[in-house]
């Protein structure tokens, strides 16, 4: 997600949180709190200021699309690294270039 998208997302989340808080304040003023306290379920505690993602018409949250994009990028990067290492290994077995370069670097730094 780009910086611009992150800023827009954070602004949207802040606006959503503020609207929910104002709605809760209005509801608490209109209706007296006579409901019993419910037991807390074993869910992961939510961070302060973090909004609960609301599902869209397909039942998926907005963040799911961003997560899928990030996973695709990560998979492409990992796959390209594996391919690059495989190519280097093949080149090294045929030409012995990496071993010579490694020896030169070792001798230069005096390790």
PDB file of N, CA and C in Angstrom:
ATOM      1  N   UNK A   1       0.852  -1.163   0.000  1.00  0.00           N
ATOM      2  CA  UNK A   1       0.000   0.000   0.000  1.00  0.00           C
ATOM      3  C   UNK A   1       0.903   1.233   0.000  1.00  0.00           C
ATOM      4  N   UNK A   2       0.623   2.156  -0.883  1.00  0.00           N
ATOM      5  CA  UNK A   2       1.454   3.347  -0.985  1.00  0.00           C
ATOM      6  C   UNK A   2       1.162   4.297   0.177  1.00  0.00           C
ATOM      7  N   UNK A   3       2.039   5.276   0.354  1.00  0.00           N
ATOM      8  CA  UNK A   3       1.871   6.228   1.449  1.00  0.00           C
ATOM      9  C   UNK A   3       0.565   6.996   1.311  1.00  0.00           C
ATOM     10  N   UNK A   4       0.231   7.338   0.091  1.00  0.00           N
ATOM     11  CA  UNK A   4      -0.991   8.093  -0.154  1.00  0.00           C
ATOM     12  C   UNK A   4      -2.208   7.260   0.235  1.00  0.00           C
ATOM     13  N   UNK A   5      -2.199   5.978  -0.135  1.00  0.00           N
ATOM     14  CA  UNK A   5      -3.304   5.095   0.217  1.00  0.00           C
ATOM     15  C   UNK A   5      -3.389   4.902   1.728  1.00  0.00           C
ATOM     16  N   UNK A   6      -2.229   4.793   2.387  1.00  0.00           N
ATOM     17  CA  UNK A   6      -2.217   4.629   3.835  1.00  0.00           C
ATOM     18  C   UNK A   6      -2.818   5.846   4.518  1.00  0.00           C
ATOM     19  N   UNK A   7      -2.462   7.051   4.033  1.00  0.00           N
ATOM     20  CA  UNK A   7      -3.006   8.268   4.633  1.00  0.00           C
ATOM     21  C   UNK A   7      -4.516   8.318   4.465  1.00  0.00           C
ATOM     22  N   UNK A   8      -4.988   7.974   3.257  1.00  0.00           N
ATOM     23  CA  UNK A   8      -6.424   7.972   3.023  1.00  0.00           C
ATOM     24  C   UNK A   8      -7.112   6.945   3.910  1.00  0.00           C
ATOM     25  N   UNK A   9      -6.508   5.768   4.047  1.00  0.00           N
ATOM     26  CA  UNK A   9      -7.086   4.723   4.863  1.00  0.00           C
ATOM     27  C   UNK A   9      -7.154   5.151   6.328  1.00  0.00           C
ATOM     28  N   UNK A  10      -6.067   5.749   6.809  1.00  0.00           N
ATOM     29  CA  UNK A  10      -6.049   6.198   8.210  1.00  0.00           C
ATOM     30  C   UNK A  10      -7.082   7.297   8.454  1.00  0.00           C
ATOM     31  N   UNK A  11      -7.218   8.217   7.495  1.00  0.00           N
ATOM     32  CA  UNK A  11      -8.226   9.269   7.639  1.00  0.00           C
ATOM     33  C   UNK A  11      -9.620   8.672   7.686  1.00  0.00           C
ATOM     34  N   UNK A  12      -9.874   7.685   6.821  1.00  0.00           N
ATOM     35  CA  UNK A  12     -11.175   7.046   6.790  1.00  0.00           C
ATOM     36  C   UNK A  12     -11.450   6.312   8.109  1.00  0.00           C
ATOM     37  N   UNK A  13     -10.431   5.642   8.647  1.00  0.00           N
ATOM     38  CA  UNK A  13     -10.585   4.932   9.919  1.00  0.00           C
ATOM     39  C   UNK A  13     -10.837   5.918  11.048  1.00  0.00           C
ATOM     40  N   UNK A  14     -10.090   7.031  11.074  1.00  0.00           N
ATOM     41  CA  UNK A  14     -10.301   8.039  12.116  1.00  0.00           C
ATOM     42  C   UNK A  14     -11.710   8.607  12.052  1.00  0.00           C
ATOM     43  N   UNK A  15     -12.169   8.914  10.844  1.00  0.00           N
ATOM     44  CA  UNK A  15     -13.520   9.440  10.689  1.00  0.00           C
ATOM     45  C   UNK A  15     -14.547   8.421  11.160  1.00  0.00           C
ATOM     46  N   UNK A  16     -14.313   7.157  10.863  1.00  0.00           N
ATOM     47  CA  UNK A  16     -15.228   6.106  11.282  1.00  0.00           C
ATOM     48  C   UNK A  16     -15.241   5.981  12.804  1.00  0.00           C
ATOM     49  N   UNK A  17     -14.069   6.037  13.414  1.00  0.00           N
ATOM     50  CA  UNK A  17     -13.980   5.930  14.871  1.00  0.00           C
ATOM     51  C   UNK A  17     -14.690   7.113  15.533  1.00  0.00           C
ATOM     52  N   UNK A  18     -14.432   8.317  15.007  1.00  0.00           N
ATOM     53  CA  UNK A  18     -15.077   9.499  15.581  1.00  0.00           C
ATOM     54  C   UNK A  18     -16.588   9.431  15.444  1.00  0.00           C
ATOM     55  N   UNK A  19     -17.078   8.962  14.301  1.00  0.00           N
ATOM     56  CA  UNK A  19     -18.526   8.864  14.128  1.00  0.00           C
ATOM     57  C   UNK A  19     -19.111   7.814  15.065  1.00  0.00           C
ATOM     58  N   UNK A  20     -18.403   6.695  15.252  1.00  0.00           N
ATOM     59  CA  UNK A  20     -18.878   5.672  16.182  1.00  0.00           C
ATOM     60  C   UNK A  20     -18.884   6.192  17.617  1.00  0.00           C
ATOM     61  N   UNK A  21     -17.833   6.938  17.980  1.00  0.00           N
ATOM     62  CA  UNK A  21     -17.774   7.472  19.339  1.00  0.00           C
ATOM     63  C   UNK A  21     -18.891   8.482  19.584  1.00  0.00           C
ATOM     64  N   UNK A  22     -19.125   9.356  18.604  1.00  0.00           N
ATOM     65  CA  UNK A  22     -20.196  10.336  18.786  1.00  0.00           C
ATOM     66  C   UNK A  22     -21.552   9.645  18.831  1.00  0.00           C
ATOM     67  N   UNK A  23     -21.715   8.601  18.049  1.00  0.00           N
ATOM     68  CA  UNK A  23     -22.965   7.855  18.046  1.00  0.00           C
ATOM     69  C   UNK A  23     -23.162   7.158  19.396  1.00  0.00           C
ATOM     70  N   UNK A  24     -22.086   6.609  19.954  1.00  0.00           N
ATOM     71  CA  UNK A  24     -22.177   5.957  21.256  1.00  0.00           C
ATOM     72  C   UNK A  24     -22.497   6.966  22.345  1.00  0.00           C
ATOM     73  N   UNK A  25     -21.906   8.160  22.256  1.00  0.00           N
ATOM     74  CA  UNK A  25     -22.192   9.193  23.243  1.00  0.00           C
ATOM     75  C   UNK A  25     -23.648   9.615  23.183  1.00  0.00           C
ATOM     76  N   UNK A  26     -24.189   9.750  21.992  1.00  0.00           N
ATOM     77  CA  UNK A  26     -25.588  10.114  21.850  1.00  0.00           C
ATOM     78  C   UNK A  26     -26.489   8.998  22.357  1.00  0.00           C
ATOM     79  N   UNK A  27     -26.143   7.768  22.051  1.00  0.00           N
ATOM     80  CA  UNK A  27     -26.937   6.637  22.508  1.00  0.00           C
ATOM     81  C   UNK A  27     -26.905   6.519  24.023  1.00  0.00           C
ATOM     82  N   UNK A  28     -25.747   6.761  24.621  1.00  0.00           N
ATOM     83  CA  UNK A  28     -25.646   6.633  26.076  1.00  0.00           C
ATOM     84  C   UNK A  28     -26.398   7.752  26.786  1.00  0.00           C
ATOM     85  N   UNK A  29     -26.539   8.907  26.153  1.00  0.00           N
ATOM     86  CA  UNK A  29     -27.297   9.996  26.755  1.00  0.00           C
ATOM     87  C   UNK A  29     -28.794   9.744  26.650  1.00  0.00           C
ATOM     88  N   UNK A  30     -29.229   9.165  25.529  1.00  0.00           N
ATOM     89  CA  UNK A  30     -30.650   8.935  25.303  1.00  0.00           C
ATOM     90  C   UNK A  30     -31.193   7.771  26.121  1.00  0.00           C
ATOM     91  N   UNK A  31     -30.449   6.682  26.203  1.00  0.00           N
ATOM     92  CA  UNK A  31     -30.920   5.479  26.875  1.00  0.00           C
ATOM     93  C   UNK A  31     -30.088   5.260  28.130  1.00  0.00           C
ATOM     94  N   UNK A  32     -30.738   5.115  29.295  1.00  0.00           N
ATOM     95  CA  UNK A  32     -29.965   4.835  30.501  1.00  0.00           C
ATOM     96  C   UNK A  32     -29.352   3.437  30.421  1.00  0.00           C
ATOM     97  N   UNK A  33     -28.225   3.285  31.051  1.00  0.00           N
ATOM     98  CA  UNK A  33     -27.487   2.029  30.995  1.00  0.00           C
ATOM     99  C   UNK A  33     -28.076   1.054  31.997  1.00  0.00           C
ATOM    100  N   UNK A  34     -29.050   0.257  31.543  1.00  0.00           N
ATOM    101  CA  UNK A  34     -29.707  -0.713  32.418  1.00  0.00           C
ATOM    102  C   UNK A  34     -29.410  -2.136  31.991  1.00  0.00           C
ATOM    103  N   UNK A  35     -28.593  -2.312  30.979  1.00  0.00           N
ATOM    104  CA  UNK A  35     -28.289  -3.647  30.495  1.00  0.00           C
ATOM    105  C   UNK A  35     -27.198  -4.271  31.359  1.00  0.00           C
ATOM    106  N   UNK A  36     -27.319  -5.578  31.644  1.00  0.00           N
ATOM    107  CA  UNK A  36     -26.272  -6.239  32.421  1.00  0.00           C
ATOM    108  C   UNK A  36     -24.996  -6.355  31.595  1.00  0.00           C
ATOM    109  N   UNK A  37     -23.886  -6.447  32.278  1.00  0.00           N
ATOM    110  CA  UNK A  37     -22.587  -6.563  31.621  1.00  0.00           C
ATOM    111  C   UNK A  37     -22.429  -7.991  31.129  1.00  0.00           C
ATOM    112  N   UNK A  38     -22.057  -8.132  29.860  1.00  0.00           N
ATOM    113  CA  UNK A  38     -21.889  -9.450  29.259  1.00  0.00           C
ATOM    114  C   UNK A  38     -20.478  -9.959  29.521  1.00  0.00           C
ATOM    115  N   UNK A  39     -20.343 -11.274  29.539  1.00  0.00           N
ATOM    116  CA  UNK A  39     -19.030 -11.890  29.723  1.00  0.00           C
ATOM    117  C   UNK A  39     -18.176 -11.648  28.488  1.00  0.00           C
ATOM    118  N   UNK A  40     -16.905 -11.447  28.715  1.00  0.00           N
ATOM    119  CA  UNK A  40     -15.986 -11.176  27.628  1.00  0.00           C
ATOM    120  C   UNK A  40     -15.587 -12.501  26.986  1.00  0.00           C
ATOM    121  N   UNK A  41     -15.635 -12.552  25.654  1.00  0.00           N
ATOM    122  CA  UNK A  41     -15.245 -13.774  24.955  1.00  0.00           C
ATOM    123  C   UNK A  41     -13.731 -13.840  24.847  1.00  0.00           C
ATOM    124  N   UNK A  42     -13.226 -14.971  24.435  1.00  0.00           N
ATOM    125  CA  UNK A  42     -11.780 -15.183  24.319  1.00  0.00           C
ATOM    126  C   UNK A  42     -11.273 -14.681  22.979  1.00  0.00           C
ATOM    127  N   UNK A  43     -11.467 -13.425  22.682  1.00  0.00           N
ATOM    128  CA  UNK A  43     -10.959 -12.840  21.452  1.00  0.00           C
ATOM    129  C   UNK A  43      -9.701 -12.052  21.732  1.00  0.00           C
ATOM    130  N   UNK A  44      -8.990 -11.765  20.684  1.00  0.00           N
ATOM    131  CA  UNK A  44      -7.748 -11.003  20.812  1.00  0.00           C
ATOM    132  C   UNK A  44      -8.096  -9.570  21.218  1.00  0.00           C
ATOM    133  N   UNK A  45      -7.448  -9.018  22.252  1.00  0.00           N
ATOM    134  CA  UNK A  45      -7.761  -7.644  22.642  1.00  0.00           C
ATOM    135  C   UNK A  45      -7.406  -6.668  21.534  1.00  0.00           C
ATOM    136  N   UNK A  46      -8.252  -5.678  21.392  1.00  0.00           N
ATOM    137  CA  UNK A  46      -8.061  -4.713  20.323  1.00  0.00           C
ATOM    138  C   UNK A  46      -7.218  -3.547  20.826  1.00  0.00           C
ATOM    139  N   UNK A  47      -6.356  -3.051  19.952  1.00  0.00           N
ATOM    140  CA  UNK A  47      -5.510  -1.920  20.321  1.00  0.00           C
ATOM    141  C   UNK A  47      -6.351  -0.661  20.399  1.00  0.00           C
ATOM    142  N   UNK A  48      -5.877   0.270  21.206  1.00  0.00           N
ATOM    143  CA  UNK A  48      -6.591   1.530  21.357  1.00  0.00           C
ATOM    144  C   UNK A  48      -6.577   2.289  20.034  1.00  0.00           C
ATOM    145  N   UNK A  49      -7.730   2.717  19.599  1.00  0.00           N
ATOM    146  CA  UNK A  49      -7.844   3.482  18.369  1.00  0.00           C
ATOM    147  C   UNK A  49      -7.966   2.627  17.123  1.00  0.00           C
ATOM    148  N   UNK A  50      -7.964   1.313  17.279  1.00  0.00           N
ATOM    149  CA  UNK A  50      -8.061   0.437  16.109  1.00  0.00           C
ATOM    150  C   UNK A  50      -9.531   0.146  15.837  1.00  0.00           C
ATOM    151  N   UNK A  51      -9.930   0.324  14.613  1.00  0.00           N
ATOM    152  CA  UNK A  51     -11.323   0.111  14.243  1.00  0.00           C
ATOM    153  C   UNK A  51     -11.536  -1.325  13.791  1.00  0.00           C
ATOM    154  N   UNK A  52     -12.732  -1.813  14.028  1.00  0.00           N
ATOM    155  CA  UNK A  52     -13.102  -3.140  13.571  1.00  0.00           C
ATOM    156  C   UNK A  52     -13.463  -3.027  12.098  1.00  0.00           C
ATOM    157  N   UNK A  53     -12.816  -3.797  11.233  1.00  0.00           N
ATOM    158  CA  UNK A  53     -13.138  -3.688   9.810  1.00  0.00           C
ATOM    159  C   UNK A  53     -14.555  -4.196   9.557  1.00  0.00           C
ATOM    160  N   UNK A  54     -15.338  -3.394   8.844  1.00  0.00           N
ATOM    161  CA  UNK A  54     -16.702  -3.785   8.530  1.00  0.00           C
ATOM    162  C   UNK A  54     -16.711  -4.501   7.185  1.00  0.00           C
ATOM    163  N   UNK A  55     -17.388  -5.648   7.118  1.00  0.00           N
ATOM    164  CA  UNK A  55     -17.421  -6.369   5.854  1.00  0.00           C
ATOM    165  C   UNK A  55     -18.286  -5.655   4.822  1.00  0.00           C
ATOM    166  N   UNK A  56     -17.904  -5.792   3.549  1.00  0.00           N
ATOM    167  CA  UNK A  56     -18.698  -5.202   2.488  1.00  0.00           C
ATOM    168  C   UNK A  56     -19.768  -6.196   2.051  1.00  0.00           C
ATOM    169  N   UNK A  57     -20.381  -5.961   0.895  1.00  0.00           N
ATOM    170  CA  UNK A  57     -21.488  -6.805   0.453  1.00  0.00           C
ATOM    171  C   UNK A  57     -21.066  -8.258   0.212  1.00  0.00           C
ATOM    172  N   UNK A  58     -19.805  -8.513  -0.049  1.00  0.00           N
ATOM    173  CA  UNK A  58     -19.334  -9.883  -0.273  1.00  0.00           C
ATOM    174  C   UNK A  58     -18.920 -10.566   1.021  1.00  0.00           C
ATOM    175  N   UNK A  59     -18.959  -9.858   2.126  1.00  0.00           N
ATOM    176  CA  UNK A  59     -18.560 -10.431   3.403  1.00  0.00           C
ATOM    177  C   UNK A  59     -17.073 -10.313   3.674  1.00  0.00           C
ATOM    178  N   UNK A  60     -16.355  -9.548   2.856  1.00  0.00           N
ATOM    179  CA  UNK A  60     -14.921  -9.371   3.051  1.00  0.00           C
ATOM    180  C   UNK A  60     -14.653  -7.933   3.466  1.00  0.00           C
ATOM    181  N   UNK A  61     -13.669  -7.761   4.328  1.00  0.00           N
ATOM    182  CA  UNK A  61     -13.329  -6.415   4.756  1.00  0.00           C
ATOM    183  C   UNK A  61     -12.448  -5.735   3.717  1.00  0.00           C
ATOM    184  N   UNK A  62     -12.315  -4.419   3.830  1.00  0.00           N
ATOM    185  CA  UNK A  62     -11.485  -3.644   2.902  1.00  0.00           C
ATOM    186  C   UNK A  62     -10.024  -4.060   2.998  1.00  0.00           C
ATOM    187  N   UNK A  63      -9.603  -4.390   4.190  1.00  0.00           N
ATOM    188  CA  UNK A  63      -8.192  -4.706   4.403  1.00  0.00           C
ATOM    189  C   UNK A  63      -7.795  -6.003   3.713  1.00  0.00           C
ATOM    190  N   UNK A  64      -8.751  -6.877   3.444  1.00  0.00           N
ATOM    191  CA  UNK A  64      -8.428  -8.146   2.811  1.00  0.00           C
ATOM    192  C   UNK A  64      -7.828  -7.933   1.431  1.00  0.00           C
ATOM    193  N   UNK A  65      -8.319  -6.954   0.695  1.00  0.00           N
ATOM    194  CA  UNK A  65      -7.759  -6.655  -0.624  1.00  0.00           C
ATOM    195  C   UNK A  65      -6.324  -6.200  -0.532  1.00  0.00           C
ATOM    196  N   UNK A  66      -6.024  -5.351   0.463  1.00  0.00           N
ATOM    197  CA  UNK A  66      -4.649  -4.888   0.648  1.00  0.00           C
ATOM    198  C   UNK A  66      -3.739  -6.049   1.052  1.00  0.00           C
ATOM    199  N   UNK A  67      -4.247  -6.930   1.880  1.00  0.00           N
ATOM    200  CA  UNK A  67      -3.446  -8.067   2.332  1.00  0.00           C
ATOM    201  C   UNK A  67      -3.124  -8.982   1.153  1.00  0.00           C
ATOM    202  N   UNK A  68      -4.113  -9.214   0.299  1.00  0.00           N
ATOM    203  CA  UNK A  68      -3.872 -10.070  -0.869  1.00  0.00           C
ATOM    204  C   UNK A  68      -2.823  -9.457  -1.786  1.00  0.00           C
ATOM    205  N   UNK A  69      -2.889  -8.142  -1.994  1.00  0.00           N
ATOM    206  CA  UNK A  69      -1.898  -7.473  -2.836  1.00  0.00           C
ATOM    207  C   UNK A  69      -0.503  -7.614  -2.233  1.00  0.00           C
ATOM    208  N   UNK A  70      -0.393  -7.413  -0.919  1.00  0.00           N
ATOM    209  CA  UNK A  70       0.905  -7.524  -0.260  1.00  0.00           C
ATOM    210  C   UNK A  70       1.445  -8.952  -0.338  1.00  0.00           C
ATOM    211  N   UNK A  71       0.561  -9.946  -0.192  1.00  0.00           N
ATOM    212  CA  UNK A  71       1.011 -11.333  -0.289  1.00  0.00           C
ATOM    213  C   UNK A  71       1.495 -11.665  -1.696  1.00  0.00           C
ATOM    214  N   UNK A  72       0.818 -11.132  -2.709  1.00  0.00           N
ATOM    215  CA  UNK A  72       1.255 -11.368  -4.080  1.00  0.00           C
ATOM    216  C   UNK A  72       2.628 -10.750  -4.314  1.00  0.00           C
ATOM    217  N   UNK A  73       2.832  -9.515  -3.818  1.00  0.00           N
ATOM    218  CA  UNK A  73       4.134  -8.863  -3.971  1.00  0.00           C
ATOM    219  C   UNK A  73       5.226  -9.674  -3.280  1.00  0.00           C
ATOM    220  N   UNK A  74       4.932 -10.142  -2.064  1.00  0.00           N
ATOM    221  CA  UNK A  74       5.920 -10.924  -1.316  1.00  0.00           C
ATOM    222  C   UNK A  74       6.253 -12.212  -2.050  1.00  0.00           C
ATOM    223  N   UNK A  75       5.228 -12.873  -2.594  1.00  0.00           N
ATOM    224  CA  UNK A  75       5.460 -14.122  -3.322  1.00  0.00           C
ATOM    225  C   UNK A  75       6.316 -13.875  -4.563  1.00  0.00           C
ATOM    226  N   UNK A  76       6.056 -12.790  -5.268  1.00  0.00           N
ATOM    227  CA  UNK A  76       6.852 -12.465  -6.460  1.00  0.00           C
ATOM    228  C   UNK A  76       8.303 -12.189  -6.084  1.00  0.00           C
ATOM    229  N   UNK A  77       8.508 -11.454  -5.004  1.00  0.00           N
ATOM    230  CA  UNK A  77       9.872 -11.136  -4.563  1.00  0.00           C
ATOM    231  C   UNK A  77      10.616 -12.397  -4.153  1.00  0.00           C
ATOM    232  N   UNK A  78       9.964 -13.255  -3.375  1.00  0.00           N
ATOM    233  CA  UNK A  78      10.609 -14.492  -2.920  1.00  0.00           C
ATOM    234  C   UNK A  78      10.926 -15.395  -4.113  1.00  0.00           C
ATOM    235  N   UNK A  79       9.979 -15.517  -5.046  1.00  0.00           N
ATOM    236  CA  UNK A  79      10.204 -16.357  -6.220  1.00  0.00           C
ATOM    237  C   UNK A  79      11.361 -15.823  -7.059  1.00  0.00           C
ATOM    238  N   UNK A  80      11.430 -14.496  -7.226  1.00  0.00           N
ATOM    239  CA  UNK A  80      12.531 -13.935  -8.010  1.00  0.00           C
ATOM    240  C   UNK A  80      13.876 -14.140  -7.308  1.00  0.00           C
ATOM    241  N   UNK A  81      13.898 -14.074  -5.989  1.00  0.00           N
ATOM    242  CA  UNK A  81      15.144 -14.327  -5.259  1.00  0.00           C
ATOM    243  C   UNK A  81      15.586 -15.782  -5.423  1.00  0.00           C
ATOM    244  N   UNK A  82      14.633 -16.708  -5.365  1.00  0.00           N
ATOM    245  CA  UNK A  82      14.964 -18.126  -5.528  1.00  0.00           C
ATOM    246  C   UNK A  82      15.512 -18.376  -6.939  1.00  0.00           C
ATOM    247  N   UNK A  83      14.866 -17.778  -7.932  1.00  0.00           N
ATOM    248  CA  UNK A  83      15.332 -17.936  -9.315  1.00  0.00           C
ATOM    249  C   UNK A  83      16.739 -17.351  -9.484  1.00  0.00           C
ATOM    250  N   UNK A  84      16.962 -16.166  -8.884  1.00  0.00           N
ATOM    251  CA  UNK A  84      18.280 -15.526  -8.972  1.00  0.00           C
ATOM    252  C   UNK A  84      19.351 -16.396  -8.321  1.00  0.00           C
ATOM    253  N   UNK A  85      19.050 -16.986  -7.154  1.00  0.00           N
ATOM    254  CA  UNK A  85      20.022 -17.858  -6.490  1.00  0.00           C
ATOM    255  C   UNK A  85      20.286 -19.118  -7.305  1.00  0.00           C
ATOM    256  N   UNK A  86      19.245 -19.652  -7.925  1.00  0.00           N
ATOM    257  CA  UNK A  86      19.433 -20.843  -8.758  1.00  0.00           C
ATOM    258  C   UNK A  86      20.330 -20.526  -9.945  1.00  0.00           C
ATOM    259  N   UNK A  87      20.125 -19.384 -10.573  1.00  0.00           N
ATOM    260  CA  UNK A  87      20.964 -18.966 -11.700  1.00  0.00           C
ATOM    261  C   UNK A  87      22.410 -18.793 -11.245  1.00  0.00           C
ATOM    262  N   UNK A  88      22.608 -18.155 -10.091  1.00  0.00           N
ATOM    263  CA  UNK A  88      23.971 -17.978  -9.572  1.00  0.00           C
ATOM    264  C   UNK A  88      24.632 -19.318  -9.290  1.00  0.00           C
ATOM    265  N   UNK A  89      23.872 -20.264  -8.772  1.00  0.00           N
ATOM    266  CA  UNK A  89      24.428 -21.589  -8.482  1.00  0.00           C
ATOM    267  C   UNK A  89      24.850 -22.285  -9.769  1.00  0.00           C
ATOM    268  N   UNK A  90      24.021 -22.211 -10.789  1.00  0.00           N
ATOM    269  CA  UNK A  90      24.340 -22.847 -12.065  1.00  0.00           C
ATOM    270  C   UNK A  90      25.577 -22.198 -12.684  1.00  0.00           C
ATOM    271  N   UNK A  91      25.622 -20.865 -12.644  1.00  0.00           N
ATOM    272  CA  UNK A  91      26.783 -20.154 -13.202  1.00  0.00           C
ATOM    273  C   UNK A  91      28.043 -20.514 -12.423  1.00  0.00           C
ATOM    274  N   UNK A  92      27.935 -20.639 -11.095  1.00  0.00           N
ATOM    275  CA  UNK A  92      29.106 -20.952 -10.276  1.00  0.00           C
ATOM    276  C   UNK A  92      29.619 -22.362 -10.547  1.00  0.00           C
ATOM    277  N   UNK A  93      28.712 -23.307 -10.760  1.00  0.00           N
ATOM    278  CA  UNK A  93      29.181 -24.682 -11.016  1.00  0.00           C
ATOM    279  C   UNK A  93      29.882 -24.797 -12.364  1.00  0.00           C
ATOM    280  N   UNK A  94      29.475 -23.966 -13.324  1.00  0.00           N
ATOM    281  CA  UNK A  94      30.089 -24.051 -14.659  1.00  0.00           C
ATOM    282  C   UNK A  94      31.360 -23.224 -14.776  1.00  0.00           C
ATOM    283  N   UNK A  95      31.401 -22.047 -14.133  1.00  0.00           N
ATOM    284  CA  UNK A  95      32.531 -21.138 -14.334  1.00  0.00           C
ATOM    285  C   UNK A  95      33.418 -20.952 -13.113  1.00  0.00           C
ATOM    286  N   UNK A  96      32.952 -21.324 -11.928  1.00  0.00           N
ATOM    287  CA  UNK A  96      33.695 -21.150 -10.683  1.00  0.00           C
ATOM    288  C   UNK A  96      33.973 -19.665 -10.407  1.00  0.00           C
ATOM    289  N   UNK A  97      33.097 -18.798 -10.902  1.00  0.00           N
ATOM    290  CA  UNK A  97      33.273 -17.355 -10.780  1.00  0.00           C
ATOM    291  C   UNK A  97      33.027 -16.867  -9.351  1.00  0.00           C
ATOM    292  N   UNK A  98      32.002 -17.389  -8.706  1.00  0.00           N
ATOM    293  CA  UNK A  98      31.673 -16.920  -7.349  1.00  0.00           C
ATOM    294  C   UNK A  98      32.750 -17.306  -6.348  1.00  0.00           C
ATOM    295  N   UNK A  99      33.317 -18.466  -6.488  1.00  0.00           N
ATOM    296  CA  UNK A  99      34.378 -18.889  -5.565  1.00  0.00           C
ATOM    297  C   UNK A  99      35.593 -17.980  -5.682  1.00  0.00           C
ATOM    298  N   UNK A 100      35.970 -17.648  -6.919  1.00  0.00           N
ATOM    299  CA  UNK A 100      37.111 -16.749  -7.119  1.00  0.00           C
ATOM    300  C   UNK A 100      36.829 -15.370  -6.539  1.00  0.00           C
ATOM    301  N   UNK A 101      35.622 -14.872  -6.774  1.00  0.00           N
ATOM    302  CA  UNK A 101      35.247 -13.555  -6.242  1.00  0.00           C
ATOM    303  C   UNK A 101      35.232 -13.575  -4.718  1.00  0.00           C
ATOM    304  N   UNK A 102      34.708 -14.649  -4.148  1.00  0.00           N
ATOM    305  CA  UNK A 102      34.688 -14.776  -2.691  1.00  0.00           C
ATOM    306  C   UNK A 102      36.078 -14.814  -2.103  1.00  0.00           C
ATOM    307  N   UNK A 103      37.001 -15.531  -2.769  1.00  0.00           N
ATOM    308  CA  UNK A 103      38.391 -15.581  -2.306  1.00  0.00           C
ATOM    309  C   UNK A 103      39.050 -14.219  -2.356  1.00  0.00           C
ATOM    310  N   UNK A 104      38.785 -13.453  -3.421  1.00  0.00           N
ATOM    311  CA  UNK A 104      39.350 -12.108  -3.539  1.00  0.00           C
ATOM    312  C   UNK A 104      38.827 -11.185  -2.450  1.00  0.00           C
ATOM    313  N   UNK A 105      37.550 -11.258  -2.187  1.00  0.00           N
ATOM    314  CA  UNK A 105      36.964 -10.426  -1.108  1.00  0.00           C
ATOM    315  C   UNK A 105      37.548 -10.828   0.244  1.00  0.00           C
ATOM    316  N   UNK A 106      37.690 -12.136   0.462  1.00  0.00           N
ATOM    317  CA  UNK A 106      38.276 -12.643   1.715  1.00  0.00           C
ATOM    318  C   UNK A 106      39.688 -12.123   1.901  1.00  0.00           C
ATOM    319  N   UNK A 107      40.502 -12.159   0.852  1.00  0.00           N
ATOM    320  CA  UNK A 107      41.883 -11.702   0.941  1.00  0.00           C
ATOM    321  C   UNK A 107      41.951 -10.177   1.091  1.00  0.00           C
ATOM    322  N   UNK A 108      41.064  -9.462   0.444  1.00  0.00           N
ATOM    323  CA  UNK A 108      41.066  -7.989   0.516  1.00  0.00           C
ATOM    324  C   UNK A 108      40.795  -7.504   1.934  1.00  0.00           C
ATOM    325  N   UNK A 109      39.790  -8.081   2.578  1.00  0.00           N
ATOM    326  CA  UNK A 109      39.438  -7.633   3.930  1.00  0.00           C
ATOM    327  C   UNK A 109      40.300  -8.300   5.002  1.00  0.00           C
ATOM    328  N   UNK A 110      41.019  -9.309   4.662  1.00  0.00           N
ATOM    329  CA  UNK A 110      41.923  -9.956   5.615  1.00  0.00           C
ATOM    330  C   UNK A 110      41.187 -10.650   6.747  1.00  0.00           C
ATOM    331  N   UNK A 111      40.110 -11.262   6.410  1.00  0.00           N
ATOM    332  CA  UNK A 111      39.309 -11.941   7.443  1.00  0.00           C
ATOM    333  C   UNK A 111      39.936 -13.236   7.821  1.00  0.00           C
TER     334      UNK A 111
END
